[in-house]
Every structure is written in C-alpha cells, then in structure tokens.
Amino acid sequence: MRALKTERILRENPTFNPQDFNLDLTSLQAEKTMVKAIEYAELLDNAVQVGVSVQKEMRKLQERG
C-alpha cells in the first residue's frame, strides 16, 4: 500500500528530487553528544563537590575527636 502511495506521489510530482532532502545528521549527532557530555560533566562536578565537602567535614570531626 505504501509503495503504491509513494509511486502516486512521485508520479503526481515529477519535479520531486530526493537529493534535495539529503540531510547531514552529523552536526545534530555532535550536538546531542555535546549536550550529554555537558550533563555528565555537571554530574561529575557535583559528585566531586560532595566528596570534597564530606572530606572537610570528616577532617573537622577528627580534629574534635
């Protein structure tokens, strides 16, 4: 059914050129990868900050103890 519909559309639109719709998805994939990298970097930074805070508090407790 789809093939027949596609064939009809192509027949009714003889000037249709599929190359006009050639999309370069490389930049979109790169953008997506960059967003994920930024998210992971933020999570890692948060984890490091928590670790540093815990370490400071542990040192304070040791000094008091």
PDB file of N, CA and C in Angstrom:
ATOM      1  N   MET A   1       0.835  -1.189   0.000  1.00  0.00           N
ATOM      2  CA  MET A   1       0.000   0.000   0.000  1.00  0.00           C
ATOM      3  C   MET A   1       0.883   1.258   0.000  1.00  0.00           C
ATOM      4  N   ARG A   2       1.913   1.254   0.862  1.00  0.00           N
ATOM      5  CA  ARG A   2       2.806   2.413   0.931  1.00  0.00           C
ATOM      6  C   ARG A   2       3.529   2.634  -0.391  1.00  0.00           C
ATOM      7  N   ALA A   3       3.953   1.526  -0.993  1.00  0.00           N
ATOM      8  CA  ALA A   3       4.656   1.634  -2.279  1.00  0.00           C
ATOM      9  C   ALA A   3       3.754   2.268  -3.324  1.00  0.00           C
ATOM     10  N   LEU A   4       2.479   1.880  -3.336  1.00  0.00           N
ATOM     11  CA  LEU A   4       1.539   2.468  -4.298  1.00  0.00           C
ATOM     12  C   LEU A   4       1.332   3.951  -4.027  1.00  0.00           C
ATOM     13  N   LYS A   5       1.210   4.309  -2.752  1.00  0.00           N
ATOM     14  CA  LYS A   5       1.041   5.720  -2.407  1.00  0.00           C
ATOM     15  C   LYS A   5       2.283   6.528  -2.786  1.00  0.00           C
ATOM     16  N   THR A   6       3.452   5.954  -2.501  1.00  0.00           N
ATOM     17  CA  THR A   6       4.703   6.628  -2.856  1.00  0.00           C
ATOM     18  C   THR A   6       4.807   6.798  -4.353  1.00  0.00           C
ATOM     19  N   GLU A   7       4.463   5.755  -5.095  1.00  0.00           N
ATOM     20  CA  GLU A   7       4.519   5.818  -6.558  1.00  0.00           C
ATOM     21  C   GLU A   7       3.576   6.893  -7.089  1.00  0.00           C
ATOM     22  N   ARG A   8       2.377   6.992  -6.514  1.00  0.00           N
ATOM     23  CA  ARG A   8       1.418   8.013  -6.944  1.00  0.00           C
ATOM     24  C   ARG A   8       1.935   9.419  -6.662  1.00  0.00           C
ATOM     25  N   ILE A   9       2.505   9.604  -5.476  1.00  0.00           N
ATOM     26  CA  ILE A   9       3.047  10.922  -5.112  1.00  0.00           C
ATOM     27  C   ILE A   9       4.160  11.314  -6.071  1.00  0.00           C
ATOM     28  N   LEU A  10       5.040  10.356  -6.368  1.00  0.00           N
ATOM     29  CA  LEU A  10       6.142  10.654  -7.289  1.00  0.00           C
ATOM     30  C   LEU A  10       5.621  10.942  -8.696  1.00  0.00           C
ATOM     31  N   ARG A  11       4.589  10.216  -9.123  1.00  0.00           N
ATOM     32  CA  ARG A  11       4.009  10.441 -10.446  1.00  0.00           C
ATOM     33  C   ARG A  11       3.347  11.818 -10.521  1.00  0.00           C
ATOM     34  N   GLU A  12       2.670  12.215  -9.442  1.00  0.00           N
ATOM     35  CA  GLU A  12       1.965  13.499  -9.423  1.00  0.00           C
ATOM     36  C   GLU A  12       2.920  14.677  -9.238  1.00  0.00           C
ATOM     37  N   ASN A  13       4.137  14.409  -8.782  1.00  0.00           N
ATOM     38  CA  ASN A  13       5.129  15.464  -8.538  1.00  0.00           C
ATOM     39  C   ASN A  13       6.427  15.127  -9.277  1.00  0.00           C
ATOM     40  N   PRO A  14       6.424  15.299 -10.595  1.00  0.00           N
ATOM     41  CA  PRO A  14       7.601  14.901 -11.380  1.00  0.00           C
ATOM     42  C   PRO A  14       8.852  15.720 -11.072  1.00  0.00           C
ATOM     43  N   THR A  15       8.704  16.875 -10.470  1.00  0.00           N
ATOM     44  CA  THR A  15       9.878  17.708 -10.169  1.00  0.00           C
ATOM     45  C   THR A  15      10.494  17.362  -8.825  1.00  0.00           C
ATOM     46  N   PHE A  16       9.902  16.397  -8.137  1.00  0.00           N
ATOM     47  CA  PHE A  16      10.436  15.992  -6.843  1.00  0.00           C
ATOM     48  C   PHE A  16      11.833  15.429  -7.019  1.00  0.00           C
ATOM     49  N   ASN A  17      12.752  15.915  -6.185  1.00  0.00           N
ATOM     50  CA  ASN A  17      14.132  15.456  -6.254  1.00  0.00           C
ATOM     51  C   ASN A  17      14.546  15.006  -4.849  1.00  0.00           C
ATOM     52  N   PRO A  18      14.684  13.694  -4.624  1.00  0.00           N
ATOM     53  CA  PRO A  18      15.025  13.213  -3.276  1.00  0.00           C
ATOM     54  C   PRO A  18      16.351  13.763  -2.754  1.00  0.00           C
ATOM     55  N   GLN A  19      17.272  14.123  -3.632  1.00  0.00           N
ATOM     56  CA  GLN A  19      18.554  14.667  -3.188  1.00  0.00           C
ATOM     57  C   GLN A  19      18.372  16.004  -2.476  1.00  0.00           C
ATOM     58  N   ASP A  20      17.266  16.694  -2.745  1.00  0.00           N
ATOM     59  CA  ASP A  20      17.007  17.960  -2.057  1.00  0.00           C
ATOM     60  C   ASP A  20      16.791  17.746  -0.557  1.00  0.00           C
ATOM     61  N   PHE A  21      16.462  16.534  -0.182  1.00  0.00           N
ATOM     62  CA  PHE A  21      16.192  16.231   1.220  1.00  0.00           C
ATOM     63  C   PHE A  21      17.331  15.474   1.877  1.00  0.00           C
ATOM     64  N   ASN A  22      18.478  15.517   1.275  1.00  0.00           N
ATOM     65  CA  ASN A  22      19.652  14.861   1.835  1.00  0.00           C
ATOM     66  C   ASN A  22      20.097  15.645   3.070  1.00  0.00           C
ATOM     67  N   LEU A  23      19.907  15.060   4.230  1.00  0.00           N
ATOM     68  CA  LEU A  23      20.216  15.744   5.487  1.00  0.00           C
ATOM     69  C   LEU A  23      21.530  15.240   6.050  1.00  0.00           C
ATOM     70  N   ASP A  24      22.319  16.170   6.513  1.00  0.00           N
ATOM     71  CA  ASP A  24      23.557  15.789   7.185  1.00  0.00           C
ATOM     72  C   ASP A  24      23.282  15.780   8.683  1.00  0.00           C
ATOM     73  N   LEU A  25      23.154  14.593   9.220  1.00  0.00           N
ATOM     74  CA  LEU A  25      22.803  14.446  10.628  1.00  0.00           C
ATOM     75  C   LEU A  25      24.030  14.426  11.529  1.00  0.00           C
ATOM     76  N   THR A  26      25.205  14.579  10.938  1.00  0.00           N
ATOM     77  CA  THR A  26      26.441  14.552  11.712  1.00  0.00           C
ATOM     78  C   THR A  26      26.461  15.672  12.743  1.00  0.00           C
ATOM     79  N   SER A  27      26.091  16.878  12.319  1.00  0.00           N
ATOM     80  CA  SER A  27      26.117  18.012  13.255  1.00  0.00           C
ATOM     81  C   SER A  27      25.083  17.847  14.355  1.00  0.00           C
ATOM     82  N   LEU A  28      23.941  17.276  14.004  1.00  0.00           N
ATOM     83  CA  LEU A  28      22.905  17.036  15.016  1.00  0.00           C
ATOM     84  C   LEU A  28      23.384  16.006  16.033  1.00  0.00           C
ATOM     85  N   GLN A  29      24.043  14.960  15.568  1.00  0.00           N
ATOM     86  CA  GLN A  29      24.585  13.943  16.470  1.00  0.00           C
ATOM     87  C   GLN A  29      25.678  14.537  17.348  1.00  0.00           C
ATOM     88  N   ALA A  30      26.509  15.392  16.760  1.00  0.00           N
ATOM     89  CA  ALA A  30      27.571  16.038  17.537  1.00  0.00           C
ATOM     90  C   ALA A  30      26.976  16.917  18.635  1.00  0.00           C
ATOM     91  N   GLU A  31      25.918  17.630  18.298  1.00  0.00           N
ATOM     92  CA  GLU A  31      25.235  18.484  19.283  1.00  0.00           C
ATOM     93  C   GLU A  31      24.676  17.634  20.427  1.00  0.00           C
ATOM     94  N   LYS A  32      24.052  16.527  20.073  1.00  0.00           N
ATOM     95  CA  LYS A  32      23.484  15.634  21.078  1.00  0.00           C
ATOM     96  C   LYS A  32      24.586  15.078  21.991  1.00  0.00           C
ATOM     97  N   THR A  33      25.693  14.696  21.397  1.00  0.00           N
ATOM     98  CA  THR A  33      26.820  14.180  22.166  1.00  0.00           C
ATOM     99  C   THR A  33      27.374  15.244  23.096  1.00  0.00           C
ATOM    100  N   MET A  34      27.464  16.476  22.605  1.00  0.00           N
ATOM    101  CA  MET A  34      27.971  17.584  23.418  1.00  0.00           C
ATOM    102  C   MET A  34      27.055  17.839  24.614  1.00  0.00           C
ATOM    103  N   VAL A  35      25.762  17.808  24.392  1.00  0.00           N
ATOM    104  CA  VAL A  35      24.805  18.023  25.484  1.00  0.00           C
ATOM    105  C   VAL A  35      24.972  16.934  26.547  1.00  0.00           C
ATOM    106  N   LYS A  36      25.105  15.676  26.095  1.00  0.00           N
ATOM    107  CA  LYS A  36      25.305  14.591  27.057  1.00  0.00           C
ATOM    108  C   LYS A  36      26.613  14.766  27.816  1.00  0.00           C
ATOM    109  N   ALA A  37      27.658  15.163  27.124  1.00  0.00           N
ATOM    110  CA  ALA A  37      28.955  15.361  27.774  1.00  0.00           C
ATOM    111  C   ALA A  37      28.858  16.459  28.830  1.00  0.00           C
ATOM    112  N   ILE A  38      28.143  17.517  28.523  1.00  0.00           N
ATOM    113  CA  ILE A  38      27.970  18.612  29.483  1.00  0.00           C
ATOM    114  C   ILE A  38      27.190  18.117  30.701  1.00  0.00           C
ATOM    115  N   GLU A  39      26.133  17.331  30.450  1.00  0.00           N
ATOM    116  CA  GLU A  39      25.345  16.792  31.568  1.00  0.00           C
ATOM    117  C   GLU A  39      26.207  15.899  32.459  1.00  0.00           C
ATOM    118  N   TYR A  40      27.010  15.028  31.840  1.00  0.00           N
ATOM    119  CA  TYR A  40      27.881  14.146  32.619  1.00  0.00           C
ATOM    120  C   TYR A  40      28.932  14.955  33.374  1.00  0.00           C
ATOM    121  N   ALA A  41      29.453  15.997  32.750  1.00  0.00           N
ATOM    122  CA  ALA A  41      30.449  16.838  33.417  1.00  0.00           C
ATOM    123  C   ALA A  41      29.835  17.522  34.634  1.00  0.00           C
ATOM    124  N   GLU A  42      28.605  17.985  34.510  1.00  0.00           N
ATOM    125  CA  GLU A  42      27.922  18.621  35.637  1.00  0.00           C
ATOM    126  C   GLU A  42      27.694  17.615  36.770  1.00  0.00           C
ATOM    127  N   LEU A  43      27.280  16.389  36.404  1.00  0.00           N
ATOM    128  CA  LEU A  43      27.084  15.358  37.428  1.00  0.00           C
ATOM    129  C   LEU A  43      28.395  15.021  38.122  1.00  0.00           C
ATOM    130  N   LEU A  44      29.451  14.898  37.347  1.00  0.00           N
ATOM    131  CA  LEU A  44      30.771  14.597  37.921  1.00  0.00           C
ATOM    132  C   LEU A  44      31.225  15.726  38.835  1.00  0.00           C
ATOM    133  N   ASP A  45      31.023  16.960  38.400  1.00  0.00           N
ATOM    134  CA  ASP A  45      31.395  18.109  39.229  1.00  0.00           C
ATOM    135  C   ASP A  45      30.620  18.097  40.542  1.00  0.00           C
ATOM    136  N   ASN A  46      29.328  17.816  40.476  1.00  0.00           N
ATOM    137  CA  ASN A  46      28.523  17.741  41.694  1.00  0.00           C
ATOM    138  C   ASN A  46      29.029  16.642  42.624  1.00  0.00           C
ATOM    139  N   ALA A  47      29.360  15.493  42.049  1.00  0.00           N
ATOM    140  CA  ALA A  47      29.861  14.382  42.862  1.00  0.00           C
ATOM    141  C   ALA A  47      31.186  14.749  43.528  1.00  0.00           C
ATOM    142  N   VAL A  48      32.062  15.423  42.803  1.00  0.00           N
ATOM    143  CA  VAL A  48      33.346  15.841  43.366  1.00  0.00           C
ATOM    144  C   VAL A  48      33.122  16.853  44.489  1.00  0.00           C
ATOM    145  N   GLN A  49      32.218  17.781  44.282  1.00  0.00           N
ATOM    146  CA  GLN A  49      31.923  18.781  45.311  1.00  0.00           C
ATOM    147  C   GLN A  49      31.383  18.118  46.577  1.00  0.00           C
ATOM    148  N   VAL A  50      30.523  17.136  46.420  1.00  0.00           N
ATOM    149  CA  VAL A  50      30.001  16.401  47.579  1.00  0.00           C
ATOM    150  C   VAL A  50      31.146  15.693  48.286  1.00  0.00           C
ATOM    151  N   GLY A  51      32.012  15.040  47.514  1.00  0.00           N
ATOM    152  CA  GLY A  51      33.157  14.346  48.101  1.00  0.00           C
ATOM    153  C   GLY A  51      34.067  15.277  48.873  1.00  0.00           C
ATOM    154  N   VAL A  52      34.334  16.455  48.310  1.00  0.00           N
ATOM    155  CA  VAL A  52      35.187  17.441  48.988  1.00  0.00           C
ATOM    156  C   VAL A  52      34.526  17.915  50.282  1.00  0.00           C
ATOM    157  N   SER A  53      33.234  18.168  50.220  1.00  0.00           N
ATOM    158  CA  SER A  53      32.517  18.608  51.424  1.00  0.00           C
ATOM    159  C   SER A  53      32.543  17.542  52.510  1.00  0.00           C
ATOM    160  N   VAL A  54      32.340  16.299  52.117  1.00  0.00           N
ATOM    161  CA  VAL A  54      32.371  15.198  53.087  1.00  0.00           C
ATOM    162  C   VAL A  54      33.767  15.082  53.692  1.00  0.00           C
ATOM    163  N   GLN A  55      34.780  15.201  52.866  1.00  0.00           N
ATOM    164  CA  GLN A  55      36.158  15.107  53.346  1.00  0.00           C
ATOM    165  C   GLN A  55      36.458  16.219  54.360  1.00  0.00           C
ATOM    166  N   LYS A  56      36.007  17.440  54.071  1.00  0.00           N
ATOM    167  CA  LYS A  56      36.219  18.557  55.004  1.00  0.00           C
ATOM    168  C   LYS A  56      35.527  18.288  56.335  1.00  0.00           C
ATOM    169  N   GLU A  57      34.297  17.812  56.268  1.00  0.00           N
ATOM    170  CA  GLU A  57      33.552  17.537  57.496  1.00  0.00           C
ATOM    171  C   GLU A  57      34.207  16.402  58.292  1.00  0.00           C
ATOM    172  N   MET A  58      34.717  15.388  57.590  1.00  0.00           N
ATOM    173  CA  MET A  58      35.396  14.285  58.285  1.00  0.00           C
ATOM    174  C   MET A  58      36.644  14.793  58.987  1.00  0.00           C
ATOM    175  N   ARG A  59      37.384  15.686  58.361  1.00  0.00           N
ATOM    176  CA  ARG A  59      38.581  16.245  58.993  1.00  0.00           C
ATOM    177  C   ARG A  59      38.221  17.058  60.230  1.00  0.00           C
ATOM    178  N   LYS A  60      37.136  17.816  60.139  1.00  0.00           N
ATOM    179  CA  LYS A  60      36.687  18.594  61.299  1.00  0.00           C
ATOM    180  C   LYS A  60      36.328  17.672  62.464  1.00  0.00           C
ATOM    181  N   LEU A  61      35.637  16.572  62.149  1.00  0.00           N
ATOM    182  CA  LEU A  61      35.254  15.624  63.183  1.00  0.00           C
ATOM    183  C   LEU A  61      36.491  14.967  63.814  1.00  0.00           C
ATOM    184  N   GLN A  62      37.494  14.664  62.994  1.00  0.00           N
ATOM    185  CA  GLN A  62      38.723  14.056  63.513  1.00  0.00           C
ATOM    186  C   GLN A  62      39.463  15.014  64.433  1.00  0.00           C
ATOM    187  N   GLU A  63      39.472  16.297  64.068  1.00  0.00           N
ATOM    188  CA  GLU A  63      40.167  17.295  64.893  1.00  0.00           C
ATOM    189  C   GLU A  63      39.489  17.466  66.240  1.00  0.00           C
ATOM    190  N   ARG A  64      38.181  17.338  66.279  1.00  0.00           N
ATOM    191  CA  ARG A  64      37.427  17.487  67.514  1.00  0.00           C
ATOM    192  C   ARG A  64      37.546  16.252  68.401  1.00  0.00           C
ATOM    193  N   GLY A  65      37.669  15.109  67.744  1.00  0.00           N
ATOM    194  CA  GLY A  65      37.601  13.841  68.456  1.00  0.00           C
ATOM    195  C   GLY A  65      38.820  13.510  69.182  1.00  0.00           C
TER     196      GLY A  65
END
